[in-house]
Protein backbone atom coordinates (compact mmCIF):
# COMPACT_ATOMS: atom_id res chain seq x y z
CA MET A 1 -18.10 27.87 -4.31
CA ALA A 2 -16.68 29.02 -7.70
CA PHE A 3 -14.42 26.68 -9.62
CA TRP A 4 -10.97 26.77 -7.97
CA MET A 5 -12.27 28.79 -5.09
CA GLY A 6 -10.43 26.64 -2.57
CA LYS A 7 -7.27 27.26 -4.52
CA ALA A 8 -7.86 31.05 -4.08
CA MET A 9 -8.53 30.67 -0.47
CA GLY A 10 -5.32 28.84 -0.16
CA GLY A 11 -3.39 31.35 -2.11
CA MET A 12 -4.62 33.83 0.71
CA PHE A 13 -3.41 31.41 3.41
CA GLY A 14 -0.14 31.14 1.63
CA LEU A 15 0.43 34.92 1.72
CA MET A 16 -0.33 34.85 5.42
CA THR A 17 2.36 32.28 6.07
CA GLY A 18 4.84 34.29 4.00
CA GLY A 19 7.33 33.50 1.29
CA PRO A 20 6.91 32.09 -2.27
CA PHE A 21 6.62 28.54 -1.02
CA GLY A 22 3.80 29.66 1.42
CA MET A 23 2.02 31.13 -1.71
CA MET A 24 2.63 28.11 -3.64
CA PHE A 25 1.70 25.56 -0.79
CA GLY A 26 -1.76 27.45 0.04
CA ALA A 27 -2.70 27.46 -3.41
CA PHE A 28 -1.92 23.78 -3.80
CA PHE A 29 -3.50 22.84 -0.49
CA GLY A 30 -6.71 24.81 -1.20
CA HIS A 31 -7.11 22.76 -4.55
CA LEU A 32 -6.16 19.63 -2.93
CA PHE A 33 -8.71 19.79 -0.31
CA ASP A 34 -11.50 20.78 -2.65
CA THR A 35 -10.90 18.09 -5.28
CA ASN A 36 -10.37 15.33 -2.63
CA MET A 37 -13.07 16.25 -0.48
CA GLU A 38 -15.15 14.55 -3.37
CA ARG A 39 -13.69 11.32 -2.40
CA TRP A 40 -14.43 11.89 1.37
CA LEU A 41 -18.13 12.94 0.39
CA ALA A 42 -18.52 10.18 -2.06
CA GLY A 43 -16.71 7.46 0.09
CA GLN A 44 -19.00 5.55 2.18
CA ALA A 45 -17.36 3.81 5.10
CA MET A 46 -18.39 0.17 5.60
CA LEU A 47 -19.36 0.33 9.30
CA LEU A 48 -18.22 -3.06 10.63
CA GLY A 49 -19.57 -4.80 13.80
CA GLN A 50 -19.18 -2.69 17.02
CA PHE A 51 -18.81 0.70 15.11
CA SER A 52 -21.92 3.02 14.70
CA ARG A 53 -21.95 6.04 12.44
CA ASN A 54 -21.01 8.28 15.34
CA ASP A 55 -18.18 6.09 16.51
CA VAL A 56 -16.60 6.28 13.00
CA GLN A 57 -17.22 10.25 12.94
CA ARG A 58 -15.63 10.68 16.21
CA LEU A 59 -12.74 8.30 15.41
CA PHE A 60 -12.16 9.89 12.03
CA PHE A 61 -12.18 13.31 13.64
CA SER A 62 -9.77 12.58 16.42
CA SER A 63 -7.37 10.51 14.48
CA LEU A 64 -6.99 13.17 11.62
CA TYR A 65 -6.08 15.88 13.85
CA ARG A 66 -4.01 13.99 16.28
CA THR A 67 -1.92 12.49 13.39
CA MET A 68 -1.57 15.93 11.86
CA GLY A 69 0.06 17.05 15.24
CA ARG A 70 2.20 13.85 15.34
CA VAL A 71 3.34 14.38 11.72
CA ALA A 72 4.03 18.23 12.39
CA LYS A 73 6.17 17.08 15.57
CA ALA A 74 8.03 14.14 14.06
CA ASP A 75 11.18 16.11 13.10
CA GLY A 76 11.39 17.85 16.30
CA ARG A 77 9.71 21.33 16.06
CA VAL A 78 6.23 22.32 14.90
CA ASN A 79 6.68 25.54 12.90
CA GLU A 80 4.25 28.23 12.00
CA ASN A 81 3.70 26.84 8.48
CA GLU A 82 2.52 23.57 9.66
CA ILE A 83 0.28 25.44 12.46
CA ALA A 84 -1.29 27.48 9.74
CA ALA A 85 -1.85 24.57 7.58
CA ALA A 86 -3.69 22.95 10.34
CA SER A 87 -5.76 25.89 10.78
CA PHE A 88 -6.61 26.07 7.30
CA VAL A 89 -7.81 22.38 7.34
CA MET A 90 -10.21 23.48 10.19
CA ASP A 91 -11.45 26.40 8.19
CA LYS A 92 -12.32 24.31 5.31
CA MET A 93 -14.23 22.03 7.46
CA MET A 94 -15.90 24.98 8.88
CA LEU A 95 -15.07 24.22 12.56
CA LYS A 96 -16.03 26.83 15.04
CA GLY A 97 -16.40 27.24 18.65
CA LYS A 98 -16.28 23.90 20.89
CA GLN A 99 -15.51 21.88 17.55
CA ARG A 100 -12.53 23.99 16.68
CA GLN A 101 -11.46 23.87 20.17
CA GLN A 102 -11.49 20.16 20.25
CA ALA A 103 -9.78 19.85 17.01
CA VAL A 104 -6.85 22.15 18.44
CA GLU A 105 -6.86 19.83 21.50
CA TYR A 106 -6.57 16.73 19.32
CA PHE A 107 -3.65 18.32 17.35
CA ASN A 108 -1.84 19.40 20.55
CA GLU A 109 -2.19 15.75 21.95
CA GLY A 110 -0.99 14.37 18.78
CA LYS A 111 2.41 16.49 19.51
CA ASP A 112 2.79 14.31 22.65
CA LEU A 113 5.34 11.64 21.42
CA ASP A 114 4.20 9.40 24.32
CA LEU A 115 0.56 9.45 23.39
CA ASP A 116 -0.34 6.16 21.63
CA ILE A 117 -2.26 7.23 18.63
CA TRP A 118 -1.70 4.14 16.64
CA ALA A 119 -4.41 1.83 18.25
CA ASP A 120 -7.15 4.32 17.16
CA LEU A 121 -5.61 4.47 13.61
CA HIS A 122 -5.58 0.67 13.38
CA SER A 123 -9.29 0.64 14.42
CA LEU A 124 -10.08 3.50 11.81
CA GLY A 125 -8.18 1.54 9.04
CA SER A 126 -10.82 -1.11 9.37
CA VAL A 127 -13.54 1.18 8.43
CA LEU A 128 -12.23 3.45 5.69
CA ASN A 129 -12.38 2.53 2.07
CA THR A 130 -9.48 3.22 -0.15
CA ALA A 131 -10.48 6.62 -1.44
CA MET A 132 -10.95 7.90 2.15
CA THR A 133 -7.55 6.63 3.14
CA ARG A 134 -5.98 8.26 0.18
CA MET A 135 -7.61 11.65 1.44
CA PHE A 136 -6.51 11.07 4.99
CA LEU A 137 -2.91 10.42 3.59
CA GLU A 138 -2.95 13.40 1.28
CA VAL A 139 -4.05 15.72 4.20
CA LEU A 140 -1.03 14.42 6.19
CA LEU A 141 1.49 14.58 3.61
CA THR A 142 0.35 18.16 2.70
CA ILE A 143 0.95 19.11 6.41
CA ALA A 144 4.50 17.44 6.29
CA TYR A 145 5.28 19.63 3.07
CA ALA A 146 3.98 22.81 4.74
CA ASP A 147 7.60 23.67 5.58
CA GLY A 148 9.02 23.06 2.23
CA ARG A 149 10.42 19.55 2.34
CA LEU A 150 9.56 15.95 3.78
CA SER A 151 12.03 15.05 6.54
CA ASP A 152 13.02 11.50 7.10
CA GLU A 153 11.48 11.64 10.47
CA GLU A 154 8.20 12.75 8.86
CA GLU A 155 8.35 9.85 6.39
CA VAL A 156 8.87 7.32 9.04
CA CYS A 157 5.85 8.56 10.79
CA LEU A 158 3.72 8.35 7.65
CA GLN A 159 4.91 4.92 7.02
CA ARG A 160 3.68 3.91 10.58
CA VAL A 161 0.32 5.55 9.80
CA CYS A 162 -0.02 3.46 6.60
CA LYS A 163 1.00 0.34 8.41
CA GLU A 164 -1.67 0.86 11.10
CA LEU A 165 -4.32 1.84 8.45
CA GLY A 166 -3.63 -1.08 6.40
CA ALA A 167 -2.69 1.12 3.38
CA PRO A 168 -0.29 -0.60 1.15
CA ASP A 169 3.05 0.80 0.01
CA SER A 170 1.76 1.45 -3.43
CA LEU A 171 -0.83 3.75 -2.36
CA PHE A 172 1.42 5.95 -0.18
CA ASP A 173 3.84 6.07 -3.28
CA GLN A 174 0.94 7.05 -5.45
CA VAL A 175 -0.26 9.74 -3.02
CA HIS A 176 3.35 10.87 -2.53
CA ARG A 177 3.85 11.27 -6.29
CA HIS A 178 0.51 13.20 -6.60
CA ILE A 179 1.73 15.59 -3.82
CA GLN A 180 5.01 16.24 -5.50
CA ASP A 181 3.41 16.65 -8.97
CA ALA A 182 0.86 19.19 -7.52
CA ILE A 183 3.55 21.17 -5.93
CA ARG A 184 5.47 21.26 -9.25
CA GLN A 185 2.43 22.36 -11.15
CA ALA A 186 1.74 25.23 -8.83
CA ARG A 187 5.13 26.39 -8.92
CA GLY A 188 4.94 26.76 -12.71
CA GLY A 189 1.42 28.22 -12.71
CA GLU A 190 -1.68 27.07 -14.47
CA ASN A 191 -2.95 27.40 -17.97
CA GLU A 192 -6.47 26.70 -19.70
CA ALA A 193 -5.30 23.05 -20.61
CA ASP A 194 -4.27 22.56 -16.90
CA GLU A 195 -7.81 23.71 -15.96
CA LEU A 196 -9.63 21.48 -18.54
CA ALA A 197 -7.51 18.39 -17.32
CA LYS A 198 -8.40 19.19 -13.77
CA ALA A 199 -12.07 19.27 -14.88
CA TYR A 200 -11.85 15.81 -16.21
CA ALA A 201 -10.01 14.66 -13.24
CA THR A 202 -12.93 16.42 -10.97
CA LEU A 203 -15.42 14.20 -12.79
CA GLU A 204 -12.94 11.16 -12.60
CA VAL A 205 -12.88 10.48 -16.40
CA SER A 206 -10.43 10.42 -19.21
CA GLU A 207 -10.35 13.08 -22.11
CA SER A 208 -11.13 10.47 -24.50
CA ILE A 209 -14.47 9.57 -23.06
CA SER A 210 -17.58 9.95 -25.25
CA ASP A 211 -20.22 12.51 -24.69
CA ARG A 212 -22.99 10.02 -23.45
CA GLU A 213 -20.56 8.42 -21.24
CA LEU A 214 -19.55 11.77 -19.57
CA LYS A 215 -22.97 12.81 -19.01
CA GLN A 216 -23.63 9.42 -17.24
CA GLU A 217 -20.61 10.18 -14.94
CA TYR A 218 -21.54 13.58 -14.37
CA ARG A 219 -25.26 12.33 -13.29
CA ARG A 220 -23.59 9.61 -10.97
CA LEU A 221 -21.27 12.05 -9.33
CA MET A 222 -24.08 14.56 -8.81
CA SER A 223 -26.17 11.65 -7.16
CA HIS A 224 -23.28 10.48 -4.76
CA ASN A 225 -22.67 13.97 -3.69
CA HIS A 226 -26.22 15.06 -3.06
CA PRO A 227 -26.16 16.89 0.45
CA ASP A 228 -29.43 15.26 1.69
CA LYS A 229 -28.42 11.78 0.64
CA LEU A 230 -25.02 12.15 2.30
CA SER A 231 -26.45 13.54 5.36
CA ALA A 232 -28.85 10.48 5.66
CA GLN A 233 -25.93 8.35 5.17
CA GLY A 234 -24.07 9.69 8.37
CA LEU A 235 -22.20 12.64 6.83
CA PRO A 236 -21.06 15.18 9.82
CA ASP A 237 -23.16 18.11 9.79
CA GLU A 238 -20.12 20.40 9.53
CA MET A 239 -19.50 18.80 6.13
CA VAL A 240 -22.82 19.32 4.54
CA GLN A 241 -21.84 22.75 3.26
CA LEU A 242 -18.95 21.29 1.49
CA ALA A 243 -21.20 18.75 -0.12
CA LYS A 244 -23.13 21.66 -1.62
CA GLU A 245 -19.94 23.36 -2.67
CA LYS A 246 -18.70 19.98 -4.29
CA THR A 247 -21.80 19.62 -6.39
CA GLN A 248 -21.31 23.18 -7.60
CA GLU A 249 -17.68 22.28 -8.53
CA ILE A 250 -18.84 19.20 -10.39
CA GLN A 251 -21.48 21.39 -12.26
CA THR A 252 -18.74 23.81 -13.32
CA ALA A 253 -16.15 21.31 -14.35
CA TYR A 254 -18.92 19.54 -16.65
CA SER A 255 -19.83 22.94 -18.05
CA LEU A 256 -16.40 23.70 -18.85
CA ILE A 257 -15.76 20.38 -20.56
CA LYS A 258 -18.97 20.86 -22.68
CA LYS A 259 -17.81 24.25 -23.68
CA ALA A 260 -14.57 22.97 -24.75
CA ARG A 261 -16.21 20.47 -26.74
CA GLY A 262 -18.35 22.87 -28.47
CA GLN A 263 -21.68 21.80 -26.79
């Protein structure tokens, strides 16, 4: 995938949902999913006690889509933008056939306010590291903002999610600020300086890093995101292609930074 391809795909999604906010949201969400997929791919769940690799995969998958449905329903009505956003997540995870049907079923189950989704979230919280929890929350917040605003009811729902996952308030606040900042940036457009700043963010380094340290971090990320290694560690098959795309994104970010440094 070319650098920011996710953003371009998101822009197409935004056009389909209609309106200037739909375009802005789609572009933002495409980039959000690409950049934070690195955290999912690099983040390794600590499989505790009774949980097998397959248990964790199923728990993450079902909990993510049920909670997406619950957040979308929290303020009373699930609108077209929220449904389209959920569909876009499925597209990015390359879900097809029975897997996609299962994701839709989980999403619809989550809309049933009488269904207890909290026990599974509590169990999931025991096996997710901070990076994976952050990604989980970012996807949910993006669904919540699909209609242009975060309602009080959606915020209460997200606070309950944080409680069950064991996520501190500081993490939710940090993620929320990130979402709001990204939306503001998307509204204002993006220039070369923004792209360079995001390239540094992709490599998880500051702009003051030395060339030697930059190369070390680049090699570290390439190693952590190697598709074969991640598959062996339990990465679901449907995400292996995203691992390949992520390594391409890391390579492109590194090349952009080297070019800016005259290398």
